[in-house]
């Protein structure tokens, strides 16, 4: 199967930046943030080759890819994978907005 292009939604970009900035500030170092970012990119590279590896969600066509303590909610559209949001599983699930 062909490799699909990964596209981050505006919300997903904001959430990712917030997560990375939180750990950089808390740890007074960007090392852990870089590790999280590399891990997410590694999993997205795998996802681009095998887009069905994520779990089904209650929303049709939206799947979730678990990466450590996070879930990347994404949707397959033609030859693209749209990452709608990234969710820290330790948060209140009632606050989750995917699209």
N, C-alpha and C. Protein backbone atom coordinates (compact mmCIF):
# COMPACT_ATOMS: atom_id res chain seq x y z
N UNK A 1 0.84 -1.18 0.00
CA UNK A 1 0.00 0.00 0.00
C UNK A 1 0.89 1.25 0.00
N UNK A 2 0.43 2.26 -0.68
CA UNK A 2 1.18 3.52 -0.77
C UNK A 2 1.17 4.26 0.55
N UNK A 3 2.22 5.00 0.76
CA UNK A 3 2.34 5.81 1.96
C UNK A 3 1.40 7.02 1.85
N UNK A 4 0.62 7.27 2.89
CA UNK A 4 -0.32 8.39 2.89
C UNK A 4 0.30 9.62 3.53
N UNK A 5 -0.15 10.77 3.08
CA UNK A 5 0.34 12.04 3.61
C UNK A 5 -0.37 12.34 4.93
N UNK A 6 0.39 12.76 5.93
CA UNK A 6 -0.15 13.14 7.25
C UNK A 6 -0.41 14.64 7.25
N UNK A 7 -1.63 15.01 7.61
CA UNK A 7 -2.00 16.43 7.72
C UNK A 7 -2.52 16.67 9.12
N UNK A 8 -1.93 17.64 9.81
CA UNK A 8 -2.35 18.00 11.16
C UNK A 8 -3.39 19.13 11.09
N UNK A 9 -4.51 18.95 11.78
CA UNK A 9 -5.50 20.02 11.87
C UNK A 9 -4.93 21.12 12.77
N UNK A 10 -5.56 22.27 12.71
CA UNK A 10 -5.13 23.39 13.55
C UNK A 10 -5.22 23.00 15.03
N UNK A 11 -6.33 22.38 15.42
CA UNK A 11 -6.52 21.96 16.82
C UNK A 11 -5.43 20.98 17.26
N UNK A 12 -5.10 20.03 16.39
CA UNK A 12 -4.08 19.04 16.73
C UNK A 12 -2.71 19.69 16.92
N UNK A 13 -2.39 20.65 16.05
CA UNK A 13 -1.11 21.36 16.19
C UNK A 13 -1.04 22.11 17.51
N UNK A 14 -2.12 22.79 17.86
CA UNK A 14 -2.16 23.55 19.11
C UNK A 14 -2.00 22.62 20.31
N UNK A 15 -2.71 21.49 20.30
CA UNK A 15 -2.61 20.54 21.41
C UNK A 15 -1.20 19.96 21.52
N UNK A 16 -0.60 19.61 20.39
CA UNK A 16 0.76 19.07 20.41
C UNK A 16 1.74 20.08 20.97
N UNK A 17 1.66 21.30 20.52
CA UNK A 17 2.56 22.36 21.02
C UNK A 17 2.36 22.57 22.52
N UNK A 18 1.11 22.56 22.97
CA UNK A 18 0.83 22.73 24.40
C UNK A 18 1.45 21.60 25.22
N UNK A 19 1.36 20.38 24.73
CA UNK A 19 1.94 19.24 25.43
C UNK A 19 3.46 19.38 25.51
N UNK A 20 4.07 19.69 24.38
CA UNK A 20 5.53 19.82 24.34
C UNK A 20 6.02 20.97 25.21
N UNK A 21 5.30 22.10 25.18
CA UNK A 21 5.69 23.25 26.02
C UNK A 21 5.50 22.95 27.50
N UNK A 22 4.45 22.21 27.84
CA UNK A 22 4.20 21.86 29.24
C UNK A 22 5.39 21.09 29.81
N UNK A 23 5.84 20.06 29.09
CA UNK A 23 6.95 19.26 29.60
C UNK A 23 8.27 20.02 29.57
N UNK A 24 8.47 20.87 28.59
CA UNK A 24 9.69 21.67 28.55
C UNK A 24 9.75 22.61 29.75
N UNK A 25 8.61 23.21 30.09
CA UNK A 25 8.56 24.13 31.25
C UNK A 25 8.68 23.35 32.56
N UNK A 26 7.94 22.28 32.69
CA UNK A 26 7.94 21.50 33.92
C UNK A 26 9.31 20.91 34.21
N UNK A 27 9.96 20.38 33.19
CA UNK A 27 11.25 19.71 33.37
C UNK A 27 12.44 20.64 33.22
N UNK A 28 12.18 21.89 32.83
CA UNK A 28 13.25 22.88 32.60
C UNK A 28 14.25 22.37 31.57
N UNK A 29 13.74 21.55 30.63
CA UNK A 29 14.56 20.98 29.57
C UNK A 29 13.64 20.55 28.43
N UNK A 30 14.16 20.61 27.23
CA UNK A 30 13.38 20.19 26.07
C UNK A 30 13.62 18.72 25.72
N UNK A 31 14.43 18.04 26.47
CA UNK A 31 14.79 16.65 26.15
C UNK A 31 13.58 15.72 26.13
N UNK A 32 12.74 15.79 27.17
CA UNK A 32 11.57 14.90 27.21
C UNK A 32 10.57 15.27 26.13
N UNK A 33 10.40 16.56 25.88
CA UNK A 33 9.50 17.00 24.81
C UNK A 33 9.98 16.47 23.47
N UNK A 34 11.27 16.50 23.24
CA UNK A 34 11.84 15.98 21.99
C UNK A 34 11.58 14.47 21.87
N UNK A 35 11.67 13.77 23.00
CA UNK A 35 11.43 12.33 23.01
C UNK A 35 9.97 12.02 22.66
N UNK A 36 9.04 12.78 23.23
CA UNK A 36 7.62 12.60 22.90
C UNK A 36 7.38 12.87 21.42
N UNK A 37 7.95 13.97 20.92
CA UNK A 37 7.77 14.36 19.53
C UNK A 37 8.31 13.28 18.59
N UNK A 38 9.47 12.73 18.90
CA UNK A 38 10.05 11.66 18.08
C UNK A 38 9.19 10.41 18.10
N UNK A 39 8.67 10.09 19.26
CA UNK A 39 7.81 8.90 19.40
C UNK A 39 6.53 9.05 18.57
N UNK A 40 5.92 10.23 18.63
CA UNK A 40 4.70 10.48 17.87
C UNK A 40 5.01 10.40 16.37
N UNK A 41 6.10 11.00 15.94
CA UNK A 41 6.46 10.96 14.52
C UNK A 41 6.76 9.54 14.05
N UNK A 42 7.38 8.74 14.90
CA UNK A 42 7.67 7.35 14.55
C UNK A 42 6.37 6.58 14.33
N UNK A 43 5.41 6.77 15.22
CA UNK A 43 4.12 6.08 15.10
C UNK A 43 3.33 6.59 13.89
N UNK A 44 3.44 7.88 13.59
CA UNK A 44 2.75 8.43 12.42
C UNK A 44 3.36 7.89 11.13
N UNK A 45 4.66 7.67 11.12
CA UNK A 45 5.31 7.08 9.94
C UNK A 45 4.76 5.67 9.70
N UNK A 46 4.59 4.92 10.76
CA UNK A 46 4.00 3.58 10.65
C UNK A 46 2.54 3.68 10.20
N UNK A 47 1.81 4.64 10.77
CA UNK A 47 0.41 4.84 10.42
C UNK A 47 0.25 5.20 8.94
N UNK A 48 1.17 5.99 8.41
CA UNK A 48 1.07 6.39 7.00
C UNK A 48 1.20 5.19 6.06
N UNK A 49 1.87 4.15 6.52
CA UNK A 49 2.02 2.94 5.72
C UNK A 49 0.89 1.94 5.98
N UNK A 50 0.38 1.94 7.22
CA UNK A 50 -0.67 1.01 7.62
C UNK A 50 -1.78 1.78 8.34
N UNK A 51 -2.62 2.49 7.61
CA UNK A 51 -3.59 3.40 8.22
C UNK A 51 -4.70 2.75 9.05
N UNK A 52 -4.85 1.45 8.96
CA UNK A 52 -5.91 0.79 9.72
C UNK A 52 -5.45 0.27 11.08
N UNK A 53 -4.24 0.62 11.52
CA UNK A 53 -3.75 0.08 12.79
C UNK A 53 -4.41 0.74 14.00
N UNK A 54 -5.04 1.89 13.81
CA UNK A 54 -5.70 2.56 14.93
C UNK A 54 -6.99 1.85 15.32
N UNK A 55 -7.48 2.17 16.51
CA UNK A 55 -8.72 1.56 17.00
C UNK A 55 -9.92 2.36 16.52
N UNK A 56 -11.05 1.67 16.34
CA UNK A 56 -12.28 2.35 15.95
C UNK A 56 -12.79 3.21 17.10
N UNK A 57 -13.48 4.29 16.75
CA UNK A 57 -14.10 5.16 17.75
C UNK A 57 -15.61 5.18 17.53
N UNK A 58 -16.31 5.92 18.37
CA UNK A 58 -17.76 6.06 18.22
C UNK A 58 -18.13 6.91 17.01
N UNK A 59 -17.18 7.64 16.47
CA UNK A 59 -17.44 8.50 15.32
C UNK A 59 -17.04 7.73 14.06
N UNK A 60 -17.97 7.62 13.13
CA UNK A 60 -17.67 6.93 11.88
C UNK A 60 -16.48 7.57 11.20
N UNK A 61 -15.62 6.77 10.68
CA UNK A 61 -14.42 7.14 9.91
C UNK A 61 -13.28 7.71 10.75
N UNK A 62 -13.48 7.90 12.04
CA UNK A 62 -12.40 8.41 12.91
C UNK A 62 -11.84 7.24 13.71
N UNK A 63 -10.53 7.16 13.71
CA UNK A 63 -9.84 6.10 14.44
C UNK A 63 -8.89 6.74 15.45
N UNK A 64 -8.41 5.96 16.39
CA UNK A 64 -7.49 6.46 17.40
C UNK A 64 -6.21 5.63 17.43
N UNK A 65 -5.09 6.31 17.41
CA UNK A 65 -3.79 5.66 17.50
C UNK A 65 -3.20 5.96 18.87
N UNK A 66 -2.98 4.92 19.66
CA UNK A 66 -2.45 5.09 21.01
C UNK A 66 -0.93 5.19 20.94
N UNK A 67 -0.41 6.28 21.52
CA UNK A 67 1.03 6.51 21.59
C UNK A 67 1.33 6.89 23.04
N UNK A 68 1.84 5.94 23.79
CA UNK A 68 2.13 6.12 25.22
C UNK A 68 0.86 6.58 25.94
N UNK A 69 0.87 7.78 26.54
CA UNK A 69 -0.28 8.28 27.28
C UNK A 69 -1.23 9.11 26.42
N UNK A 70 -1.07 9.06 25.13
CA UNK A 70 -1.84 9.91 24.22
C UNK A 70 -2.58 9.08 23.19
N UNK A 71 -3.66 9.66 22.69
CA UNK A 71 -4.38 9.07 21.56
C UNK A 71 -4.42 10.13 20.47
N UNK A 72 -3.97 9.75 19.29
CA UNK A 72 -4.07 10.60 18.12
C UNK A 72 -5.35 10.20 17.39
N UNK A 73 -6.32 11.09 17.32
CA UNK A 73 -7.55 10.81 16.62
C UNK A 73 -7.39 11.28 15.18
N UNK A 74 -7.61 10.37 14.25
CA UNK A 74 -7.36 10.67 12.85
C UNK A 74 -8.47 10.10 11.96
N UNK A 75 -8.46 10.59 10.73
CA UNK A 75 -9.45 10.16 9.74
C UNK A 75 -8.74 9.94 8.41
N UNK A 76 -9.13 8.91 7.71
CA UNK A 76 -8.58 8.62 6.39
C UNK A 76 -9.45 9.31 5.34
N UNK A 77 -8.83 10.15 4.55
CA UNK A 77 -9.54 10.83 3.46
C UNK A 77 -8.68 10.69 2.21
N UNK A 78 -9.16 9.88 1.27
CA UNK A 78 -8.44 9.59 0.03
C UNK A 78 -7.03 9.10 0.36
N UNK A 79 -6.02 9.83 -0.06
CA UNK A 79 -4.63 9.44 0.18
C UNK A 79 -4.00 10.24 1.32
N UNK A 80 -4.85 10.76 2.21
CA UNK A 80 -4.35 11.57 3.33
C UNK A 80 -4.87 11.03 4.65
N UNK A 81 -4.11 11.32 5.68
CA UNK A 81 -4.53 11.03 7.05
C UNK A 81 -4.61 12.37 7.76
N UNK A 82 -5.81 12.72 8.20
CA UNK A 82 -6.02 13.98 8.90
C UNK A 82 -5.98 13.70 10.40
N UNK A 83 -5.02 14.28 11.10
CA UNK A 83 -4.95 14.16 12.56
C UNK A 83 -5.82 15.28 13.12
N UNK A 84 -6.95 14.89 13.72
CA UNK A 84 -7.91 15.88 14.22
C UNK A 84 -7.50 16.45 15.57
N UNK A 85 -7.01 15.60 16.44
CA UNK A 85 -6.58 16.08 17.76
C UNK A 85 -5.67 15.04 18.40
N UNK A 86 -4.95 15.49 19.41
CA UNK A 86 -4.15 14.59 20.24
C UNK A 86 -4.69 14.74 21.66
N UNK A 87 -4.91 13.61 22.32
CA UNK A 87 -5.58 13.60 23.61
C UNK A 87 -4.72 12.91 24.65
N UNK A 88 -4.50 13.60 25.76
CA UNK A 88 -3.81 13.01 26.90
C UNK A 88 -4.83 12.17 27.65
N UNK A 89 -4.61 10.87 27.73
CA UNK A 89 -5.57 9.95 28.34
C UNK A 89 -5.78 10.18 29.83
N UNK A 90 -4.94 11.01 30.44
CA UNK A 90 -5.08 11.28 31.87
C UNK A 90 -6.03 12.44 32.14
N UNK A 91 -6.59 13.02 31.09
CA UNK A 91 -7.53 14.14 31.25
C UNK A 91 -8.95 13.62 31.42
N UNK A 92 -9.84 14.54 31.78
CA UNK A 92 -11.25 14.21 31.94
C UNK A 92 -11.85 13.90 30.57
N UNK A 93 -12.37 12.71 30.35
CA UNK A 93 -12.91 12.35 29.04
C UNK A 93 -14.10 13.21 28.60
N UNK A 94 -14.76 13.84 29.54
CA UNK A 94 -15.90 14.70 29.18
C UNK A 94 -15.45 15.95 28.44
N UNK A 95 -14.17 16.30 28.53
CA UNK A 95 -13.64 17.47 27.84
C UNK A 95 -13.16 17.18 26.42
N UNK A 96 -13.21 15.92 26.01
CA UNK A 96 -12.70 15.53 24.70
C UNK A 96 -13.57 16.04 23.56
N UNK A 97 -12.96 16.74 22.62
CA UNK A 97 -13.59 17.17 21.37
C UNK A 97 -12.68 16.71 20.24
N UNK A 98 -13.22 15.88 19.37
CA UNK A 98 -12.39 15.32 18.30
C UNK A 98 -12.43 16.19 17.05
N UNK A 99 -13.59 16.56 16.61
CA UNK A 99 -13.73 17.37 15.39
C UNK A 99 -14.26 18.74 15.71
